[in-house]
Amino acid sequence: MAEVLLFHHVQGLTDGVRAFADDLRQSGHTVHTPDLFEGRTFGSLEQGMAYVRETGFDVLGERGAAAVGDLRPELVHVGLSFGVTIAQKLAQTRPGARGALLLHACIPVTEYGESWPESVPVQIHGKEGDEYFDEDLPAARELAASARSAELFLYPGDQHLFTDSSLDAFDAEATKLLLERVRTFLAAVG
């Protein structure tokens, strides 16, 4: 079984993020869910982004790096939207990563290095019509095309945080398919 470090999206460590982590735990995986917002959750993307700007990207990045703490290096790094910024950086720069799951976002690989590490398999998941993911789609396609073990999955619809069951954007059918793919990935790397 895999050991997973899951970073929440910009609305915080919501009940839906916790439920997503619990789904992975039910498959036997160990899942850590650090709370980068120290207990705060937000009712909209805009409110969450205001908190991120107020707190500072650097401060939140430091909280994310600190979340690794004493955890073993052989982690699967998972990010949900905003959390991808931290998960992807750790997957690309921290030796020993077992894999990366980038949900709802993807950062250009060159942000954290020259290329994606050959030993780190990666899956990228997003909605075809999601205005936020559309901005990241070129980076996602480039990563999927350039990395030896990379997969890009696009789902119909335009909801951004469609895996969060506590939000109106939740898409149960797409999340079910995503979780099947994620479980297969985790079984292979765990």
Protein backbone atom coordinates (compact mmCIF):
# COMPACT_ATOMS: atom_id res chain seq x y z
CA MET A 1 0.00 0.00 0.00
CA ALA A 2 1.10 3.55 -0.70
CA GLU A 3 1.82 6.35 1.71
CA VAL A 4 0.17 9.52 0.43
CA LEU A 5 0.69 13.18 1.30
CA LEU A 6 -2.42 15.05 0.11
CA PHE A 7 -2.51 18.85 -0.10
CA HIS A 8 -5.93 20.54 -0.10
CA HIS A 9 -7.29 23.13 -2.51
CA VAL A 10 -7.71 26.87 -1.98
CA GLN A 11 -10.98 26.51 -0.06
CA GLY A 12 -9.10 24.64 2.66
CA LEU A 13 -9.23 21.22 4.26
CA THR A 14 -12.97 20.85 3.67
CA ASP A 15 -15.15 17.91 4.60
CA GLY A 16 -15.02 16.91 0.93
CA VAL A 17 -11.22 16.81 0.92
CA ARG A 18 -11.32 14.72 4.10
CA ALA A 19 -13.85 12.38 2.44
CA PHE A 20 -11.60 12.02 -0.61
CA ALA A 21 -8.69 11.09 1.69
CA ASP A 22 -10.94 8.62 3.53
CA ASP A 23 -11.83 6.96 0.20
CA LEU A 24 -8.12 6.32 -0.36
CA ARG A 25 -7.70 5.08 3.22
CA GLN A 26 -10.51 2.57 2.69
CA SER A 27 -8.35 1.06 -0.05
CA GLY A 28 -5.63 0.48 2.55
CA HIS A 29 -3.41 3.47 1.85
CA THR A 30 -1.94 5.71 4.54
CA VAL A 31 -3.03 9.28 3.77
CA HIS A 32 -1.69 12.42 5.46
CA THR A 33 -3.76 15.60 5.04
CA PRO A 34 -1.86 18.61 6.40
CA ASP A 35 -3.97 21.71 6.98
CA LEU A 36 -2.04 24.57 5.37
CA PHE A 37 -4.75 27.05 6.34
CA GLU A 38 -4.67 26.22 10.07
CA GLY A 39 -8.34 25.30 10.35
CA ARG A 40 -9.75 27.92 8.00
CA THR A 41 -12.07 26.96 5.15
CA PHE A 42 -13.65 29.28 2.62
CA GLY A 43 -17.02 29.35 0.87
CA SER A 44 -15.60 30.35 -2.51
CA LEU A 45 -12.45 30.19 -4.61
CA GLU A 46 -12.21 33.97 -4.43
CA GLN A 47 -12.27 34.00 -0.61
CA GLY A 48 -9.64 31.26 -0.50
CA MET A 49 -7.40 33.12 -2.95
CA ALA A 50 -7.74 36.29 -0.87
CA TYR A 51 -6.46 34.33 2.13
CA VAL A 52 -3.58 32.92 0.06
CA ARG A 53 -2.56 36.41 -1.09
CA GLU A 54 -2.89 37.79 2.47
CA THR A 55 -0.87 34.94 4.01
CA GLY A 56 1.62 34.74 1.16
CA PHE A 57 2.51 31.97 -1.25
CA ASP A 58 5.94 31.62 0.35
CA VAL A 59 4.50 31.09 3.84
CA LEU A 60 2.06 28.46 2.56
CA GLY A 61 4.85 26.80 0.59
CA GLU A 62 6.93 26.62 3.77
CA ARG A 63 3.98 25.05 5.60
CA GLY A 64 3.73 22.49 2.82
CA ALA A 65 7.43 21.67 2.95
CA ALA A 66 7.21 21.37 6.74
CA ALA A 67 4.34 18.89 6.37
CA VAL A 68 6.83 16.36 5.05
CA GLY A 69 8.46 16.50 8.49
CA ASP A 70 9.65 13.07 9.56
CA LEU A 71 7.71 11.23 6.87
CA ARG A 72 9.70 8.78 4.83
CA PRO A 73 10.79 9.99 1.38
CA GLU A 74 8.84 7.28 -0.49
CA LEU A 75 5.59 9.24 -0.68
CA VAL A 76 2.99 9.76 -3.36
CA HIS A 77 2.44 13.51 -3.49
CA VAL A 78 -1.14 14.53 -4.24
CA GLY A 79 -2.41 18.03 -4.82
CA LEU A 80 -5.90 19.36 -5.36
CA SER A 81 -5.77 22.58 -7.41
CA PHE A 82 -3.81 25.04 -5.20
CA GLY A 83 -2.28 22.01 -3.45
CA VAL A 84 -0.69 20.97 -6.76
CA THR A 85 1.81 23.81 -6.36
CA ILE A 86 3.25 22.07 -3.30
CA ALA A 87 2.71 18.44 -4.32
CA GLN A 88 4.30 18.92 -7.73
CA LYS A 89 7.29 20.74 -6.29
CA LEU A 90 7.91 17.95 -3.76
CA ALA A 91 7.48 15.24 -6.40
CA GLN A 92 9.99 16.94 -8.67
CA THR A 93 12.57 17.97 -6.09
CA ARG A 94 12.42 15.62 -3.09
CA PRO A 95 14.39 12.43 -3.69
CA GLY A 96 12.51 9.17 -3.21
CA ALA A 97 9.05 10.23 -4.40
CA ARG A 98 6.97 7.21 -5.48
CA GLY A 99 4.54 9.19 -7.61
CA ALA A 100 2.43 12.29 -8.09
CA LEU A 101 -1.28 12.88 -8.58
CA LEU A 102 -2.10 16.35 -9.87
CA LEU A 103 -5.83 17.02 -9.61
CA HIS A 104 -7.49 20.11 -11.10
CA ALA A 105 -4.16 21.82 -11.91
CA CYS A 106 -0.69 21.37 -13.38
CA ILE A 107 2.31 23.66 -13.15
CA PRO A 108 4.87 23.87 -15.98
CA VAL A 109 7.62 21.35 -15.18
CA THR A 110 10.27 24.04 -15.67
CA GLU A 111 8.95 25.85 -12.60
CA TYR A 112 10.72 23.27 -10.42
CA GLY A 113 13.47 21.85 -12.64
CA GLU A 114 14.59 21.07 -16.17
CA SER A 115 12.46 17.95 -16.59
CA TRP A 116 10.14 15.58 -14.79
CA PRO A 117 12.05 12.91 -12.79
CA GLU A 118 12.11 9.65 -14.78
CA SER A 119 11.51 7.54 -11.68
CA VAL A 120 8.31 9.37 -10.66
CA PRO A 121 5.08 8.29 -12.37
CA VAL A 122 2.41 10.96 -12.58
CA GLN A 123 -1.29 11.28 -13.33
CA ILE A 124 -2.98 14.58 -14.16
CA HIS A 125 -6.78 14.92 -13.90
CA GLY A 126 -8.99 17.85 -14.90
CA LYS A 127 -12.24 18.87 -16.53
CA GLU A 128 -12.25 19.76 -20.24
CA GLY A 129 -14.24 22.97 -19.81
CA ASP A 130 -12.85 24.10 -16.44
CA GLU A 131 -11.68 27.68 -16.96
CA TYR A 132 -8.95 27.26 -14.34
CA PHE A 133 -7.68 23.92 -15.62
CA ASP A 134 -7.81 25.23 -19.20
CA GLU A 135 -5.02 27.64 -18.22
CA ASP A 136 -2.94 24.66 -17.06
CA LEU A 137 -3.82 22.33 -19.92
CA PRO A 138 -0.78 23.21 -22.07
CA ALA A 139 1.53 22.40 -19.12
CA ALA A 140 -0.42 19.19 -18.45
CA ARG A 141 -0.16 18.09 -22.09
CA GLU A 142 3.55 18.91 -22.18
CA LEU A 143 4.18 16.90 -19.00
CA ALA A 144 2.14 13.96 -20.28
CA ALA A 145 4.04 13.98 -23.57
CA SER A 146 7.51 14.41 -22.10
CA ALA A 147 7.54 12.13 -19.05
CA ARG A 148 8.12 8.41 -19.45
CA SER A 149 5.35 7.41 -17.05
CA ALA A 150 2.68 10.11 -17.27
CA GLU A 151 -1.04 10.04 -17.95
CA LEU A 152 -3.45 12.90 -18.57
CA PHE A 153 -7.16 12.31 -17.98
CA LEU A 154 -9.80 14.80 -19.09
CA TYR A 155 -13.40 14.57 -17.93
CA PRO A 156 -16.46 16.19 -19.52
CA GLY A 157 -17.83 19.28 -17.78
CA ASP A 158 -16.61 22.57 -16.45
CA GLN A 159 -16.56 22.17 -12.65
CA HIS A 160 -13.20 22.99 -11.08
CA LEU A 161 -13.10 21.19 -7.72
CA PHE A 162 -15.28 18.31 -8.89
CA THR A 163 -13.77 15.77 -6.47
CA ASP A 164 -14.86 17.67 -3.35
CA SER A 165 -18.19 16.20 -2.20
CA SER A 166 -18.83 19.16 0.11
CA LEU A 167 -18.94 21.70 -2.73
CA ASP A 168 -21.56 22.47 -5.39
CA ALA A 169 -18.93 21.64 -8.06
CA PHE A 170 -18.92 17.96 -7.00
CA ASP A 171 -19.40 15.49 -9.86
CA ALA A 172 -20.02 12.02 -8.40
CA GLU A 173 -19.68 10.17 -11.71
CA ALA A 174 -16.39 11.82 -12.71
CA THR A 175 -15.03 11.40 -9.18
CA LYS A 176 -15.87 7.69 -9.21
CA LEU A 177 -13.91 7.22 -12.44
CA LEU A 178 -11.05 9.37 -11.15
CA LEU A 179 -10.86 7.33 -7.93
CA GLU A 180 -10.73 4.08 -9.92
CA ARG A 181 -7.77 5.44 -11.89
CA VAL A 182 -6.09 6.77 -8.76
CA ARG A 183 -6.51 3.45 -6.92
CA THR A 184 -4.94 1.59 -9.86
CA PHE A 185 -2.06 4.09 -9.84
CA LEU A 186 -1.52 3.78 -6.08
CA ALA A 187 -1.62 -0.01 -6.23
CA ALA A 188 1.09 0.06 -8.91
CA VAL A 189 3.43 2.46 -7.08
CA GLY A 190 2.69 1.31 -3.50
